[in-house]
Amino acid sequence: MNTLHTAKEPFRFYTQLHMPELTGLKASNLQELLDLIKTVPGSVIYHHNHRFLQLHQYLSPEPPNDFAYWITGILGEEELGEELFSIDTIQYTTIRELRDEIVRSIENYMVKHPRSLQKFATPGEEFHFVKSVSFVFQTPYTASDLKEFQAVLQRVTINSIYFHMFESRLRIGRGTNDFSNWLDDSLSEKKLANKIASLDPYTHTMENLRITLIKLIEKRIVESMEKPPETDRELALPKP
């Protein structure tokens, strides 16, 4: 029987609130947009790639990023907009990597389409850069094993799940989500940790993501309770 373990360290659940803050920076064409994308703080890049998800947490599939939306809708550069839409955010583990990919896409497009630099947004339709200010709070919930972990996942808010699945992985730069880190490091549940790490959270609503996590953990708990099949040798032994 593959038994469950008690964690070396309990998992502490946190939650967060986001507050958008105007930077006062704006762009009216591709060159200005590119220059500012290169220099704004990481919190700005994060905001414009996650704002839709933060505001509309019950919608799916993957939300668009603000840069692609503005380039397509205001500048009319649909080809570049589609390229930015197609950037798979889950493939990047830091804001810097994500920023570099956005910059590379815009620079390559500008070289191929120099006339795109001649397009300007009309007054009032410029791209305004906003940063995401996060406030993180510790909740009263902790978990010391898989059963407790599953029970708490059913109770915490979606803001808590968002923090541990999105914010910690990309914005804080931990490489993977908090749940997988804890499962692997403190519970020696590497297989389960890898399954959760392989999820693409951007293709789920937050509630659907909660359900998916709970089902994966529930399956592991059930597996730990199943008796292993008897071997031929055990079957041949006389019963006491």
C-alpha atoms as a PDB file:
ATOM      1  CA  MET A   1       0.000   0.000   0.000  1.00  0.00           C
ATOM      2  CA  ASN A   2       1.342   3.415  -0.985  1.00  0.00           C
ATOM      3  CA  THR A   3       0.631   5.246   2.254  1.00  0.00           C
ATOM      4  CA  LEU A   4       0.282   8.991   2.735  1.00  0.00           C
ATOM      5  CA  HIS A   5       2.855  10.961   4.671  1.00  0.00           C
ATOM      6  CA  THR A   6       2.736  13.840   7.110  1.00  0.00           C
ATOM      7  CA  ALA A   7       4.430  16.923   5.726  1.00  0.00           C
ATOM      8  CA  LYS A   8       7.837  18.024   6.951  1.00  0.00           C
ATOM      9  CA  GLU A   9       6.408  21.533   7.025  1.00  0.00           C
ATOM     10  CA  PRO A  10       2.674  22.395   6.894  1.00  0.00           C
ATOM     11  CA  PHE A  11       1.374  24.271   3.883  1.00  0.00           C
ATOM     12  CA  ARG A  12       0.235  27.768   4.802  1.00  0.00           C
ATOM     13  CA  PHE A  13      -2.426  29.269   2.590  1.00  0.00           C
ATOM     14  CA  TYR A  14      -2.185  32.907   1.586  1.00  0.00           C
ATOM     15  CA  THR A  15      -4.559  35.132  -0.312  1.00  0.00           C
ATOM     16  CA  GLN A  16      -4.205  38.448  -2.090  1.00  0.00           C
ATOM     17  CA  LEU A  17      -5.876  41.582  -3.342  1.00  0.00           C
ATOM     18  CA  HIS A  18      -4.889  43.444  -6.510  1.00  0.00           C
ATOM     19  CA  MET A  19      -5.028  47.194  -6.926  1.00  0.00           C
ATOM     20  CA  PRO A  20      -4.313  48.710 -10.372  1.00  0.00           C
ATOM     21  CA  GLU A  21      -2.285  51.907 -10.326  1.00  0.00           C
ATOM     22  CA  LEU A  22      -1.720  54.272 -13.249  1.00  0.00           C
ATOM     23  CA  THR A  23       1.928  54.896 -14.083  1.00  0.00           C
ATOM     24  CA  GLY A  24       1.317  58.061 -16.121  1.00  0.00           C
ATOM     25  CA  LEU A  25       3.081  56.445 -19.090  1.00  0.00           C
ATOM     26  CA  LYS A  26       1.364  56.053 -22.443  1.00  0.00           C
ATOM     27  CA  ALA A  27       2.155  55.067 -26.025  1.00  0.00           C
ATOM     28  CA  SER A  28       0.580  56.198 -29.276  1.00  0.00           C
ATOM     29  CA  ASN A  29       2.466  53.963 -31.729  1.00  0.00           C
ATOM     30  CA  LEU A  30       4.467  50.737 -31.851  1.00  0.00           C
ATOM     31  CA  GLN A  31       7.859  52.332 -31.219  1.00  0.00           C
ATOM     32  CA  GLU A  32       6.666  54.128 -28.112  1.00  0.00           C
ATOM     33  CA  LEU A  33       4.946  50.945 -26.912  1.00  0.00           C
ATOM     34  CA  LEU A  34       8.107  48.901 -27.438  1.00  0.00           C
ATOM     35  CA  ASP A  35      10.362  51.413 -25.682  1.00  0.00           C
ATOM     36  CA  LEU A  36       8.139  51.467 -22.630  1.00  0.00           C
ATOM     37  CA  ILE A  37       7.655  47.672 -22.512  1.00  0.00           C
ATOM     38  CA  LYS A  38      11.447  47.411 -22.274  1.00  0.00           C
ATOM     39  CA  THR A  39      11.717  49.753 -19.299  1.00  0.00           C
ATOM     40  CA  VAL A  40       8.546  49.585 -17.174  1.00  0.00           C
ATOM     41  CA  PRO A  41       8.607  47.582 -13.918  1.00  0.00           C
ATOM     42  CA  GLY A  42       7.719  43.903 -14.027  1.00  0.00           C
ATOM     43  CA  SER A  43       4.465  44.642 -12.193  1.00  0.00           C
ATOM     44  CA  VAL A  44       3.287  46.486 -15.326  1.00  0.00           C
ATOM     45  CA  ILE A  45       4.061  43.568 -17.644  1.00  0.00           C
ATOM     46  CA  TYR A  46       2.311  41.245 -15.213  1.00  0.00           C
ATOM     47  CA  HIS A  47      -0.782  43.440 -15.039  1.00  0.00           C
ATOM     48  CA  HIS A  48      -1.254  43.686 -18.790  1.00  0.00           C
ATOM     49  CA  ASN A  49      -0.952  39.923 -19.207  1.00  0.00           C
ATOM     50  CA  HIS A  50      -3.220  38.969 -16.282  1.00  0.00           C
ATOM     51  CA  ARG A  51      -5.712  41.814 -15.871  1.00  0.00           C
ATOM     52  CA  PHE A  52      -8.470  39.971 -17.737  1.00  0.00           C
ATOM     53  CA  LEU A  53      -7.979  36.854 -15.643  1.00  0.00           C
ATOM     54  CA  GLN A  54      -8.018  38.822 -12.393  1.00  0.00           C
ATOM     55  CA  LEU A  55     -11.209  40.694 -13.281  1.00  0.00           C
ATOM     56  CA  HIS A  56     -13.076  37.828 -14.959  1.00  0.00           C
ATOM     57  CA  GLN A  57     -12.068  34.783 -12.960  1.00  0.00           C
ATOM     58  CA  TYR A  58     -15.129  32.780 -13.975  1.00  0.00           C
ATOM     59  CA  LEU A  59     -14.442  33.047 -17.720  1.00  0.00           C
ATOM     60  CA  SER A  60     -12.326  30.865 -19.992  1.00  0.00           C
ATOM     61  CA  PRO A  61     -10.455  30.051 -22.145  1.00  0.00           C
ATOM     62  CA  GLU A  62      -7.085  31.796 -21.972  1.00  0.00           C
ATOM     63  CA  PRO A  63      -7.570  35.566 -21.661  1.00  0.00           C
ATOM     64  CA  PRO A  64      -5.947  37.972 -24.138  1.00  0.00           C
ATOM     65  CA  ASN A  65      -3.131  40.278 -23.132  1.00  0.00           C
ATOM     66  CA  ASP A  66      -3.704  44.034 -23.272  1.00  0.00           C
ATOM     67  CA  PHE A  67      -0.814  44.728 -25.649  1.00  0.00           C
ATOM     68  CA  ALA A  68      -2.245  42.406 -28.291  1.00  0.00           C
ATOM     69  CA  TYR A  69      -5.725  43.830 -27.834  1.00  0.00           C
ATOM     70  CA  TRP A  70      -4.540  47.430 -28.347  1.00  0.00           C
ATOM     71  CA  ILE A  71      -2.263  46.625 -31.285  1.00  0.00           C
ATOM     72  CA  THR A  72      -5.106  44.823 -33.041  1.00  0.00           C
ATOM     73  CA  GLY A  73      -8.030  47.076 -32.176  1.00  0.00           C
ATOM     74  CA  ILE A  74      -6.402  50.513 -32.207  1.00  0.00           C
ATOM     75  CA  LEU A  75      -3.416  50.251 -34.562  1.00  0.00           C
ATOM     76  CA  GLY A  76      -5.021  47.647 -36.826  1.00  0.00           C
ATOM     77  CA  GLU A  77      -1.900  45.452 -36.896  1.00  0.00           C
ATOM     78  CA  GLU A  78      -3.769  42.158 -36.768  1.00  0.00           C
ATOM     79  CA  GLU A  79      -0.815  39.942 -37.674  1.00  0.00           C
ATOM     80  CA  LEU A  80       1.251  41.200 -34.749  1.00  0.00           C
ATOM     81  CA  GLY A  81      -1.781  41.111 -32.479  1.00  0.00           C
ATOM     82  CA  GLU A  82      -2.335  37.446 -33.312  1.00  0.00           C
ATOM     83  CA  GLU A  83       1.312  36.662 -32.631  1.00  0.00           C
ATOM     84  CA  LEU A  84       1.129  38.281 -29.205  1.00  0.00           C
ATOM     85  CA  PHE A  85      -2.192  36.559 -28.495  1.00  0.00           C
ATOM     86  CA  SER A  86      -0.504  33.223 -29.216  1.00  0.00           C
ATOM     87  CA  ILE A  87       2.289  33.684 -26.661  1.00  0.00           C
ATOM     88  CA  ASP A  88       1.902  30.776 -24.250  1.00  0.00           C
ATOM     89  CA  THR A  89       2.378  32.433 -20.857  1.00  0.00           C
ATOM     90  CA  ILE A  90       2.645  29.097 -19.046  1.00  0.00           C
ATOM     91  CA  GLN A  91       5.957  28.435 -20.825  1.00  0.00           C
ATOM     92  CA  TYR A  92       7.660  31.290 -18.985  1.00  0.00           C
ATOM     93  CA  THR A  93       8.724  31.143 -15.358  1.00  0.00           C
ATOM     94  CA  THR A  94       9.710  34.793 -14.884  1.00  0.00           C
ATOM     95  CA  ILE A  95       8.356  38.173 -15.927  1.00  0.00           C
ATOM     96  CA  ARG A  96      11.688  38.920 -17.592  1.00  0.00           C
ATOM     97  CA  GLU A  97      11.335  35.915 -19.906  1.00  0.00           C
ATOM     98  CA  LEU A  98       7.784  36.922 -20.804  1.00  0.00           C
ATOM     99  CA  ARG A  99       8.827  40.537 -21.394  1.00  0.00           C
ATOM    100  CA  ASP A 100      11.709  39.430 -23.642  1.00  0.00           C
ATOM    101  CA  GLU A 101       9.358  37.342 -25.791  1.00  0.00           C
ATOM    102  CA  ILE A 102       6.933  40.255 -26.227  1.00  0.00           C
ATOM    103  CA  VAL A 103       9.824  42.574 -27.134  1.00  0.00           C
ATOM    104  CA  ARG A 104      11.252  40.067 -29.612  1.00  0.00           C
ATOM    105  CA  SER A 105       7.882  39.657 -31.342  1.00  0.00           C
ATOM    106  CA  ILE A 106       7.333  43.411 -31.711  1.00  0.00           C
ATOM    107  CA  GLU A 107      10.895  44.121 -32.879  1.00  0.00           C
ATOM    108  CA  ASN A 108      10.780  41.392 -35.527  1.00  0.00           C
ATOM    109  CA  TYR A 109       7.450  42.657 -36.784  1.00  0.00           C
ATOM    110  CA  MET A 110       8.679  46.242 -37.022  1.00  0.00           C
ATOM    111  CA  VAL A 111      11.644  45.134 -39.136  1.00  0.00           C
ATOM    112  CA  LYS A 112       9.377  43.233 -41.525  1.00  0.00           C
ATOM    113  CA  HIS A 113       6.688  45.928 -41.594  1.00  0.00           C
ATOM    114  CA  PRO A 114       8.382  49.349 -41.255  1.00  0.00           C
ATOM    115  CA  ARG A 115       5.189  51.120 -42.306  1.00  0.00           C
ATOM    116  CA  SER A 116       3.584  49.951 -39.051  1.00  0.00           C
ATOM    117  CA  LEU A 117       5.612  52.701 -37.315  1.00  0.00           C
ATOM    118  CA  GLN A 118       3.626  55.324 -39.180  1.00  0.00           C
ATOM    119  CA  LYS A 119       0.376  54.343 -37.497  1.00  0.00           C
ATOM    120  CA  PHE A 120      -0.639  56.406 -34.480  1.00  0.00           C
ATOM    121  CA  ALA A 121      -3.530  56.068 -32.083  1.00  0.00           C
ATOM    122  CA  THR A 122      -6.025  58.921 -32.177  1.00  0.00           C
ATOM    123  CA  PRO A 123      -6.027  61.173 -29.084  1.00  0.00           C
ATOM    124  CA  GLY A 124      -7.774  59.396 -26.230  1.00  0.00           C
ATOM    125  CA  GLU A 125      -6.955  55.914 -27.551  1.00  0.00           C
ATOM    126  CA  GLU A 126      -3.306  55.731 -26.513  1.00  0.00           C
ATOM    127  CA  PHE A 127      -2.089  52.702 -24.572  1.00  0.00           C
ATOM    128  CA  HIS A 128      -1.930  53.620 -20.880  1.00  0.00           C
ATOM    129  CA  PHE A 129       0.487  51.592 -18.773  1.00  0.00           C
ATOM    130  CA  VAL A 130      -0.878  50.343 -15.468  1.00  0.00           C
ATOM    131  CA  LYS A 131       0.920  48.401 -12.760  1.00  0.00           C
ATOM    132  CA  SER A 132      -0.552  45.767 -10.498  1.00  0.00           C
ATOM    133  CA  VAL A 133      -0.033  46.381  -6.785  1.00  0.00           C
ATOM    134  CA  SER A 134      -0.573  43.217  -4.743  1.00  0.00           C
ATOM    135  CA  PHE A 135      -1.431  42.915  -1.067  1.00  0.00           C
ATOM    136  CA  VAL A 136      -0.752  39.440   0.323  1.00  0.00           C
ATOM    137  CA  PHE A 137      -2.376  38.140   3.499  1.00  0.00           C
ATOM    138  CA  GLN A 138      -1.957  34.921   5.443  1.00  0.00           C
ATOM    139  CA  THR A 139      -5.199  32.974   5.906  1.00  0.00           C
ATOM    140  CA  PRO A 140      -5.989  30.884   9.015  1.00  0.00           C
ATOM    141  CA  TYR A 141      -5.728  27.694   6.948  1.00  0.00           C
ATOM    142  CA  THR A 142      -2.862  25.197   7.029  1.00  0.00           C
ATOM    143  CA  ALA A 143      -2.495  21.584   5.892  1.00  0.00           C
ATOM    144  CA  SER A 144      -0.168  18.867   7.150  1.00  0.00           C
ATOM    145  CA  ASP A 145      -1.201  16.014   4.845  1.00  0.00           C
ATOM    146  CA  LEU A 146      -3.113  15.388   1.633  1.00  0.00           C
ATOM    147  CA  LYS A 147      -6.500  14.964   3.303  1.00  0.00           C
ATOM    148  CA  GLU A 148      -6.185  18.280   5.112  1.00  0.00           C
ATOM    149  CA  PHE A 149      -4.888  19.876   1.921  1.00  0.00           C
ATOM    150  CA  GLN A 150      -7.907  18.692  -0.065  1.00  0.00           C
ATOM    151  CA  ALA A 151     -10.298  19.881   2.630  1.00  0.00           C
ATOM    152  CA  VAL A 152      -8.784  23.368   2.722  1.00  0.00           C
ATOM    153  CA  LEU A 153      -8.827  23.684  -1.082  1.00  0.00           C
ATOM    154  CA  GLN A 154     -12.594  23.296  -0.881  1.00  0.00           C
ATOM    155  CA  ARG A 155     -12.848  26.247   1.542  1.00  0.00           C
ATOM    156  CA  VAL A 156     -10.337  28.898   0.504  1.00  0.00           C
ATOM    157  CA  THR A 157     -11.297  31.700  -1.863  1.00  0.00           C
ATOM    158  CA  ILE A 158     -10.351  31.679  -5.521  1.00  0.00           C
ATOM    159  CA  ASN A 159      -8.038  34.598  -4.725  1.00  0.00           C
ATOM    160  CA  SER A 160      -5.993  32.223  -2.600  1.00  0.00           C
ATOM    161  CA  ILE A 161      -5.822  29.626  -5.363  1.00  0.00           C
ATOM    162  CA  TYR A 162      -4.886  32.363  -7.837  1.00  0.00           C
ATOM    163  CA  PHE A 163      -2.019  33.497  -5.632  1.00  0.00           C
ATOM    164  CA  HIS A 164      -0.520  30.023  -5.210  1.00  0.00           C
ATOM    165  CA  MET A 165      -1.021  28.936  -8.843  1.00  0.00           C
ATOM    166  CA  PHE A 166      -0.237  32.136 -10.771  1.00  0.00           C
ATOM    167  CA  GLU A 167       1.360  34.875  -8.703  1.00  0.00           C
ATOM    168  CA  SER A 168       3.994  32.792  -6.937  1.00  0.00           C
ATOM    169  CA  ARG A 169       5.077  30.988 -10.113  1.00  0.00           C
ATOM    170  CA  LEU A 170       5.541  33.932 -12.460  1.00  0.00           C
ATOM    171  CA  ARG A 171       5.607  37.185 -10.515  1.00  0.00           C
ATOM    172  CA  ILE A 172       7.515  35.971  -7.468  1.00  0.00           C
ATOM    173  CA  GLY A 173       9.665  33.759  -9.691  1.00  0.00           C
ATOM    174  CA  ARG A 174       9.519  30.452  -7.845  1.00  0.00           C
ATOM    175  CA  GLY A 175       9.648  28.450 -11.064  1.00  0.00           C
ATOM    176  CA  THR A 176       6.537  26.443 -10.397  1.00  0.00           C
ATOM    177  CA  ASN A 177       3.363  26.855  -8.366  1.00  0.00           C
ATOM    178  CA  ASP A 178       3.388  26.734  -4.556  1.00  0.00           C
ATOM    179  CA  PHE A 179       1.262  23.588  -4.391  1.00  0.00           C
ATOM    180  CA  SER A 180       3.691  21.527  -6.480  1.00  0.00           C
ATOM    181  CA  ASN A 181       6.661  22.858  -4.523  1.00  0.00           C
ATOM    182  CA  TRP A 182       5.127  21.805  -1.227  1.00  0.00           C
ATOM    183  CA  LEU A 183       3.913  18.422  -2.436  1.00  0.00           C
ATOM    184  CA  ASP A 184       7.363  17.547  -3.738  1.00  0.00           C
ATOM    185  CA  ASP A 185       9.546  19.038  -1.005  1.00  0.00           C
ATOM    186  CA  SER A 186       7.471  18.387   2.135  1.00  0.00           C
ATOM    187  CA  LEU A 187       5.326  15.364   1.252  1.00  0.00           C
ATOM    188  CA  SER A 188       7.543  13.495  -1.223  1.00  0.00           C
ATOM    189  CA  GLU A 189       4.567  13.416  -3.610  1.00  0.00           C
ATOM    190  CA  LYS A 190       6.622  14.022  -6.734  1.00  0.00           C
ATOM    191  CA  LYS A 191       4.186  12.347  -9.146  1.00  0.00           C
ATOM    192  CA  LEU A 192       1.238  14.394  -7.907  1.00  0.00           C
ATOM    193  CA  ALA A 193       3.375  17.540  -7.835  1.00  0.00           C
ATOM    194  CA  ASN A 194       4.319  17.000 -11.485  1.00  0.00           C
ATOM    195  CA  LYS A 195       0.695  16.457 -12.492  1.00  0.00           C
ATOM    196  CA  ILE A 196      -0.311  19.785 -10.948  1.00  0.00           C
ATOM    197  CA  ALA A 197       2.735  21.539 -12.391  1.00  0.00           C
ATOM    198  CA  SER A 198       1.809  20.265 -15.870  1.00  0.00           C
ATOM    199  CA  LEU A 199      -1.644  21.859 -15.720  1.00  0.00           C
ATOM    200  CA  ASP A 200      -2.146  24.972 -17.841  1.00  0.00           C
ATOM    201  CA  PRO A 201      -4.102  27.163 -15.411  1.00  0.00           C
ATOM    202  CA  TYR A 202      -4.733  29.770 -18.108  1.00  0.00           C
ATOM    203  CA  THR A 203      -7.179  27.409 -19.837  1.00  0.00           C
ATOM    204  CA  HIS A 204      -9.352  26.978 -16.709  1.00  0.00           C
ATOM    205  CA  THR A 205     -11.783  29.167 -14.865  1.00  0.00           C
ATOM    206  CA  MET A 206     -10.676  29.573 -11.271  1.00  0.00           C
ATOM    207  CA  GLU A 207     -13.490  27.383  -9.956  1.00  0.00           C
ATOM    208  CA  ASN A 208     -12.754  24.736 -12.561  1.00  0.00           C
ATOM    209  CA  LEU A 209      -9.100  24.870 -11.556  1.00  0.00           C
ATOM    210  CA  ARG A 210     -10.122  24.311  -7.929  1.00  0.00           C
ATOM    211  CA  ILE A 211     -12.191  21.265  -8.932  1.00  0.00           C
ATOM    212  CA  THR A 212      -9.357  19.864 -11.045  1.00  0.00           C
ATOM    213  CA  LEU A 213      -6.881  20.171  -8.169  1.00  0.00           C
ATOM    214  CA  ILE A 214      -9.278  18.523  -5.726  1.00  0.00           C
ATOM    215  CA  LYS A 215      -9.912  15.600  -8.100  1.00  0.00           C
ATOM    216  CA  LEU A 216      -6.197  14.969  -8.600  1.00  0.00           C
ATOM    217  CA  ILE A 217      -5.607  14.935  -4.852  1.00  0.00           C
ATOM    218  CA  GLU A 218      -8.674  12.795  -4.221  1.00  0.00           C
ATOM    219  CA  LYS A 219      -7.439  10.230  -6.736  1.00  0.00           C
ATOM    220  CA  ARG A 220      -4.093  10.052  -4.969  1.00  0.00           C
ATOM    221  CA  ILE A 221      -5.794   9.587  -1.580  1.00  0.00           C
ATOM    222  CA  VAL A 222      -7.946   6.752  -2.944  1.00  0.00           C
ATOM    223  CA  GLU A 223      -4.885   5.073  -4.450  1.00  0.00           C
ATOM    224  CA  SER A 224      -3.157   5.140  -1.075  1.00  0.00           C
ATOM    225  CA  MET A 225      -6.083   3.267   0.496  1.00  0.00           C
ATOM    226  CA  GLU A 226      -6.219   0.463  -2.058  1.00  0.00           C
ATOM    227  CA  LYS A 227      -4.736  -2.897  -1.060  1.00  0.00           C
ATOM    228  CA  PRO A 228      -2.070  -4.247  -3.425  1.00  0.00           C
ATOM    229  CA  PRO A 229      -3.078  -7.431  -5.329  1.00  0.00           C
ATOM    230  CA  GLU A 230      -2.108 -10.721  -3.683  1.00  0.00           C
ATOM    231  CA  THR A 231       0.818 -12.538  -5.267  1.00  0.00           C
ATOM    232  CA  ASP A 232       0.652 -16.190  -6.360  1.00  0.00           C
ATOM    233  CA  ARG A 233       2.848 -17.127  -3.398  1.00  0.00           C
ATOM    234  CA  GLU A 234       0.461 -15.423  -0.975  1.00  0.00           C
ATOM    235  CA  LEU A 235      -2.503 -17.214  -2.530  1.00  0.00           C
ATOM    236  CA  ALA A 236      -0.766 -20.595  -2.108  1.00  0.00           C
ATOM    237  CA  LEU A 237      -0.116 -20.127   1.580  1.00  0.00           C
ATOM    238  CA  PRO A 238      -2.616 -21.893   3.900  1.00  0.00           C
ATOM    239  CA  LYS A 239      -4.946 -19.607   5.754  1.00  0.00           C
ATOM    240  CA  PRO A 240      -4.429 -19.572   9.558  1.00  0.00           C
END
